[in-house]
Amino acid sequence: MKYPVFKDLIIFENEDYLVVNKPPFLATLEDRTPNTTNLLKIAKQHNPELQACHRLDKDTSGCLVFAKNPEAYRHLSMQFEHRQVYKVYHAVAWGVHKFEDQLVNRAIMPNAKGVAHLNPKGKPAETYFTSLETYSRHTLVECMPVTGRLHQIRVHLAYLNAPIVGDELYGGENVYLSNLKRGYNLKKDTEELPLIKRFALHSFNIGFTLLDGEPVKIEAPYPKDIAVLVKQLRAH
């Protein structure tokens, strides 16, 4: 895998914080895969003082905040702890849904293998969902998590019978061009690849308060794979 140039990912920077548009297929921190890099490693080559203030799943793209000093890190950690950070994700889900600020308030418990399940004995988890666009068999959904549990958005959307495209762990199948185009003919002896090779979840917005009390809101443009998926769904 070709690793990104860190400075090309930066979408916001001041003296205390730096926000990047995290590419998919890159872990935020060390994961269990040996001999692979992660975003924090790449970040520290850019600036050894950087600390990741939160994390995104390996396959999730979008807004990720780094702090440049311990005071900035503490300041944002407190905002995460008190649920004062504004977070908006976009997901492409299976099914046509008309969500309007729909709240899912279902506790989540991960198992030993790192798969999350709805379980009343788990930790409380809340997410609000709003449909942004509907297509013939899919919906572009805005997801606003109040809490930050493992795989929260993915599990809550599956609960609503709206699993995320490509999220096979939680019941979301892949999307192929042949699903969308009538009479789509694949060249002989070629295997059709899905339109997106991961689950279609993107951290679109993040908002928090800077050290001087000034609020800031940052938006991360869609990466190419989600942009292509949405374009194809709109066209068909």
Protein backbone atom coordinates (compact mmCIF):
# COMPACT_ATOMS: atom_id res chain seq x y z
CA MET A 1 0.00 0.00 0.00
CA LYS A 2 1.24 3.47 -0.89
CA TYR A 3 1.06 5.63 2.22
CA PRO A 4 -0.23 9.17 1.96
CA VAL A 5 1.89 12.30 2.40
CA PHE A 6 0.69 13.62 5.75
CA LYS A 7 0.64 17.30 4.83
CA ASP A 8 -1.64 16.53 1.86
CA LEU A 9 -4.27 15.23 4.30
CA ILE A 10 -4.46 18.40 6.42
CA ILE A 11 -7.78 20.27 6.16
CA PHE A 12 -7.40 22.58 9.19
CA GLU A 13 -4.44 23.77 11.24
CA ASN A 14 -3.70 26.33 13.93
CA GLU A 15 -1.06 26.54 16.69
CA ASP A 16 -2.79 23.86 18.82
CA TYR A 17 -4.66 21.50 16.51
CA LEU A 18 -4.42 19.86 13.15
CA VAL A 19 -7.34 18.10 11.45
CA VAL A 20 -6.81 15.63 8.62
CA ASN A 21 -9.12 13.92 6.17
CA LYS A 22 -8.14 10.36 7.09
CA PRO A 23 -7.93 8.01 4.11
CA PRO A 24 -9.63 4.60 4.32
CA PHE A 25 -7.66 1.36 4.93
CA LEU A 26 -5.32 3.06 7.39
CA ALA A 27 -5.53 2.41 11.14
CA THR A 28 -5.49 5.50 13.40
CA LEU A 29 -3.18 3.89 15.98
CA GLU A 30 -1.21 0.65 16.22
CA ASP A 31 -3.42 -2.32 15.40
CA ARG A 32 -2.83 -6.05 15.52
CA THR A 33 -1.44 -6.26 11.99
CA PRO A 34 2.35 -6.60 12.06
CA ASN A 35 4.62 -4.54 9.80
CA THR A 36 1.96 -2.01 8.87
CA THR A 37 2.07 1.67 9.46
CA ASN A 38 -0.71 3.77 10.99
CA LEU A 39 -1.81 7.38 10.80
CA LEU A 40 -0.21 8.34 14.12
CA LYS A 41 3.17 7.04 12.92
CA ILE A 42 2.90 9.10 9.73
CA ALA A 43 1.75 12.11 11.78
CA LYS A 44 4.74 11.90 14.13
CA GLN A 45 7.12 11.97 11.16
CA HIS A 46 5.47 15.28 10.23
CA ASN A 47 5.57 16.59 13.83
CA PRO A 48 6.80 14.39 16.74
CA GLU A 49 4.53 16.28 19.21
CA LEU A 50 1.26 15.23 17.56
CA GLN A 51 -1.25 13.12 19.53
CA ALA A 52 -4.44 11.63 18.09
CA CYS A 53 -7.41 13.00 20.08
CA HIS A 54 -9.77 10.18 19.06
CA ARG A 55 -9.81 7.37 16.55
CA LEU A 56 -11.70 6.18 13.49
CA ASP A 57 -12.14 2.56 12.38
CA LYS A 58 -9.54 1.51 9.83
CA ASP A 59 -12.05 1.54 6.96
CA THR A 60 -13.73 4.81 7.98
CA SER A 61 -12.51 7.98 6.26
CA GLY A 62 -12.84 11.62 7.28
CA CYS A 63 -12.21 14.13 10.06
CA LEU A 64 -9.57 13.16 12.58
CA VAL A 65 -8.10 15.64 15.07
CA PHE A 66 -4.52 15.74 16.33
CA ALA A 67 -3.33 17.93 19.20
CA LYS A 68 0.06 19.67 18.95
CA ASN A 69 0.62 20.02 22.71
CA PRO A 70 -0.56 18.40 25.98
CA GLU A 71 -2.81 21.34 26.92
CA ALA A 72 -4.66 21.15 23.60
CA TYR A 73 -4.99 17.37 23.97
CA ARG A 74 -6.49 17.73 27.49
CA HIS A 75 -8.81 20.52 26.34
CA LEU A 76 -10.33 18.38 23.56
CA SER A 77 -10.37 15.19 25.69
CA MET A 78 -12.61 17.00 28.16
CA GLN A 79 -14.96 18.02 25.36
CA PHE A 80 -15.17 14.41 24.16
CA GLU A 81 -15.80 13.26 27.73
CA HIS A 82 -18.61 15.79 28.25
CA ARG A 83 -20.09 15.02 24.80
CA GLN A 84 -19.52 18.56 23.59
CA VAL A 85 -17.86 17.57 20.31
CA TYR A 86 -20.08 17.97 17.24
CA LYS A 87 -19.74 14.85 15.06
CA VAL A 88 -21.50 14.14 11.78
CA TYR A 89 -20.92 11.02 9.70
CA HIS A 90 -22.33 10.17 6.28
CA ALA A 91 -23.17 6.55 5.47
CA VAL A 92 -24.59 4.89 2.38
CA ALA A 93 -27.11 2.37 3.66
CA TRP A 94 -29.11 -0.43 2.08
CA GLY A 95 -32.83 0.19 1.69
CA VAL A 96 -34.91 3.31 1.10
CA HIS A 97 -35.44 5.06 4.43
CA LYS A 98 -37.02 8.36 5.45
CA PHE A 99 -35.25 9.03 8.74
CA GLU A 100 -35.96 12.41 10.33
CA ASP A 101 -33.79 12.94 13.36
CA GLN A 102 -34.53 9.33 14.32
CA LEU A 103 -32.95 8.38 17.65
CA VAL A 104 -31.61 4.89 18.29
CA ASN A 105 -30.97 4.50 22.01
CA ARG A 106 -29.63 0.94 22.35
CA ALA A 107 -26.80 -0.24 24.58
CA ILE A 108 -23.81 -1.87 22.89
CA MET A 109 -21.48 -4.58 24.14
CA PRO A 110 -18.42 -5.80 22.21
CA ASN A 111 -17.44 -9.47 22.32
CA ALA A 112 -13.90 -10.83 22.72
CA LYS A 113 -13.39 -10.72 18.94
CA GLY A 114 -14.16 -7.00 18.74
CA VAL A 115 -17.63 -7.42 17.22
CA ALA A 116 -20.30 -5.21 18.79
CA HIS A 117 -23.80 -6.40 19.67
CA LEU A 118 -26.90 -4.72 21.03
CA ASN A 119 -27.17 -5.83 24.63
CA PRO A 120 -29.12 -4.17 27.47
CA LYS A 121 -26.17 -4.98 29.76
CA GLY A 122 -23.77 -3.07 27.49
CA LYS A 123 -22.83 0.60 27.61
CA PRO A 124 -25.50 3.17 26.72
CA ALA A 125 -25.29 4.27 23.08
CA GLU A 126 -27.29 6.94 21.25
CA THR A 127 -27.26 7.98 17.60
CA TYR A 128 -29.52 10.30 15.59
CA PHE A 129 -30.18 9.51 11.91
CA THR A 130 -31.51 11.71 9.10
CA SER A 131 -31.93 10.72 5.44
CA LEU A 132 -30.12 13.12 3.11
CA GLU A 133 -30.85 11.50 -0.27
CA THR A 134 -32.75 8.39 -1.33
CA TYR A 135 -31.99 6.31 -4.41
CA SER A 136 -33.76 3.29 -5.92
CA ARG A 137 -32.46 0.82 -3.30
CA HIS A 138 -30.19 2.87 -1.05
CA THR A 139 -30.14 5.93 1.20
CA LEU A 140 -27.45 8.49 2.02
CA VAL A 141 -27.80 8.92 5.79
CA GLU A 142 -26.50 11.60 8.13
CA CYS A 143 -25.47 10.01 11.43
CA MET A 144 -24.92 12.00 14.62
CA PRO A 145 -23.53 9.84 17.43
CA VAL A 146 -24.03 11.23 20.94
CA THR A 147 -21.85 8.54 22.53
CA GLY A 148 -18.73 6.90 21.08
CA ARG A 149 -19.09 3.13 21.40
CA LEU A 150 -17.34 0.51 19.28
CA HIS A 151 -18.93 0.28 15.80
CA GLN A 152 -21.86 2.30 17.15
CA ILE A 153 -23.17 3.79 13.88
CA ARG A 154 -22.75 0.49 12.05
CA VAL A 155 -24.65 -1.51 14.69
CA HIS A 156 -27.42 1.07 15.10
CA LEU A 157 -28.01 1.29 11.33
CA ALA A 158 -28.16 -2.51 11.13
CA TYR A 159 -30.78 -2.38 13.93
CA LEU A 160 -32.85 -0.03 11.71
CA ASN A 161 -32.61 -2.54 8.82
CA ALA A 162 -30.34 -0.06 7.06
CA PRO A 163 -26.94 -1.79 7.15
CA ILE A 164 -24.09 0.16 5.59
CA VAL A 165 -23.07 -0.77 2.03
CA GLY A 166 -20.02 -3.05 2.16
CA ASP A 167 -20.31 -3.65 5.92
CA GLU A 168 -20.50 -7.43 5.73
CA LEU A 169 -19.79 -7.77 9.46
CA TYR A 170 -23.16 -6.19 10.22
CA GLY A 171 -25.24 -7.42 7.28
CA GLY A 172 -24.41 -4.81 4.64
CA GLU A 173 -23.76 -6.38 1.24
CA ASN A 174 -21.50 -4.98 -1.45
CA VAL A 175 -22.86 -2.90 -4.33
CA TYR A 176 -21.90 -3.76 -7.90
CA LEU A 177 -22.48 -1.75 -11.05
CA SER A 178 -24.46 -4.74 -12.36
CA ASN A 179 -26.92 -4.19 -9.44
CA LEU A 180 -27.59 -0.68 -10.72
CA LYS A 181 -27.33 -0.88 -14.50
CA ARG A 182 -29.90 -2.91 -16.41
CA GLY A 183 -28.30 -5.12 -19.02
CA TYR A 184 -24.82 -4.51 -17.64
CA ASN A 185 -22.45 -6.91 -19.37
CA LEU A 186 -19.19 -7.86 -17.75
CA LYS A 187 -16.31 -8.80 -20.01
CA LYS A 188 -15.85 -12.55 -20.26
CA ASP A 189 -13.57 -14.13 -17.62
CA THR A 190 -13.39 -11.00 -15.52
CA GLU A 191 -14.65 -10.84 -11.98
CA GLU A 192 -16.79 -7.84 -11.13
CA LEU A 193 -15.44 -5.74 -8.27
CA PRO A 194 -17.71 -3.91 -5.84
CA LEU A 195 -18.12 -0.16 -6.36
CA ILE A 196 -16.54 0.42 -2.95
CA LYS A 197 -14.09 -1.98 -1.32
CA ARG A 198 -14.93 -1.07 2.29
CA PHE A 199 -17.98 -0.05 4.27
CA ALA A 200 -19.32 3.31 3.10
CA LEU A 201 -18.88 5.43 6.24
CA HIS A 202 -17.23 8.86 6.30
CA SER A 203 -16.67 11.34 9.15
CA PHE A 204 -17.99 14.41 7.36
CA ASN A 205 -17.91 17.11 10.06
CA ILE A 206 -16.29 17.71 13.41
CA GLY A 207 -16.82 20.74 15.63
CA PHE A 208 -15.16 21.69 18.91
CA THR A 209 -13.94 24.67 20.92
CA LEU A 210 -10.38 25.94 20.57
CA LEU A 211 -8.25 26.87 23.58
CA ASP A 212 -9.31 30.54 23.31
CA GLY A 213 -13.00 29.55 23.45
CA GLU A 214 -13.54 30.05 19.73
CA PRO A 215 -15.76 27.35 18.17
CA VAL A 216 -14.55 25.70 14.98
CA LYS A 217 -16.31 23.34 12.55
CA ILE A 218 -14.39 21.40 9.93
CA GLU A 219 -15.74 19.50 6.93
CA ALA A 220 -13.93 16.66 5.16
CA PRO A 221 -14.77 16.20 1.46
CA TYR A 222 -15.72 12.66 0.38
CA PRO A 223 -12.81 10.47 -0.69
CA LYS A 224 -12.92 9.20 -4.25
CA ASP A 225 -14.58 5.84 -3.48
CA ILE A 226 -17.61 7.31 -1.67
CA ALA A 227 -17.90 10.14 -4.21
CA VAL A 228 -18.02 7.55 -7.05
CA LEU A 229 -20.56 5.38 -5.19
CA VAL A 230 -22.91 8.33 -4.55
CA LYS A 231 -22.53 9.53 -8.15
CA GLN A 232 -23.46 6.07 -9.50
CA LEU A 233 -26.45 5.78 -7.14
CA ARG A 234 -27.70 9.21 -8.21
CA ALA A 235 -27.34 8.27 -11.87
CA HIS A 236 -29.35 5.06 -11.56
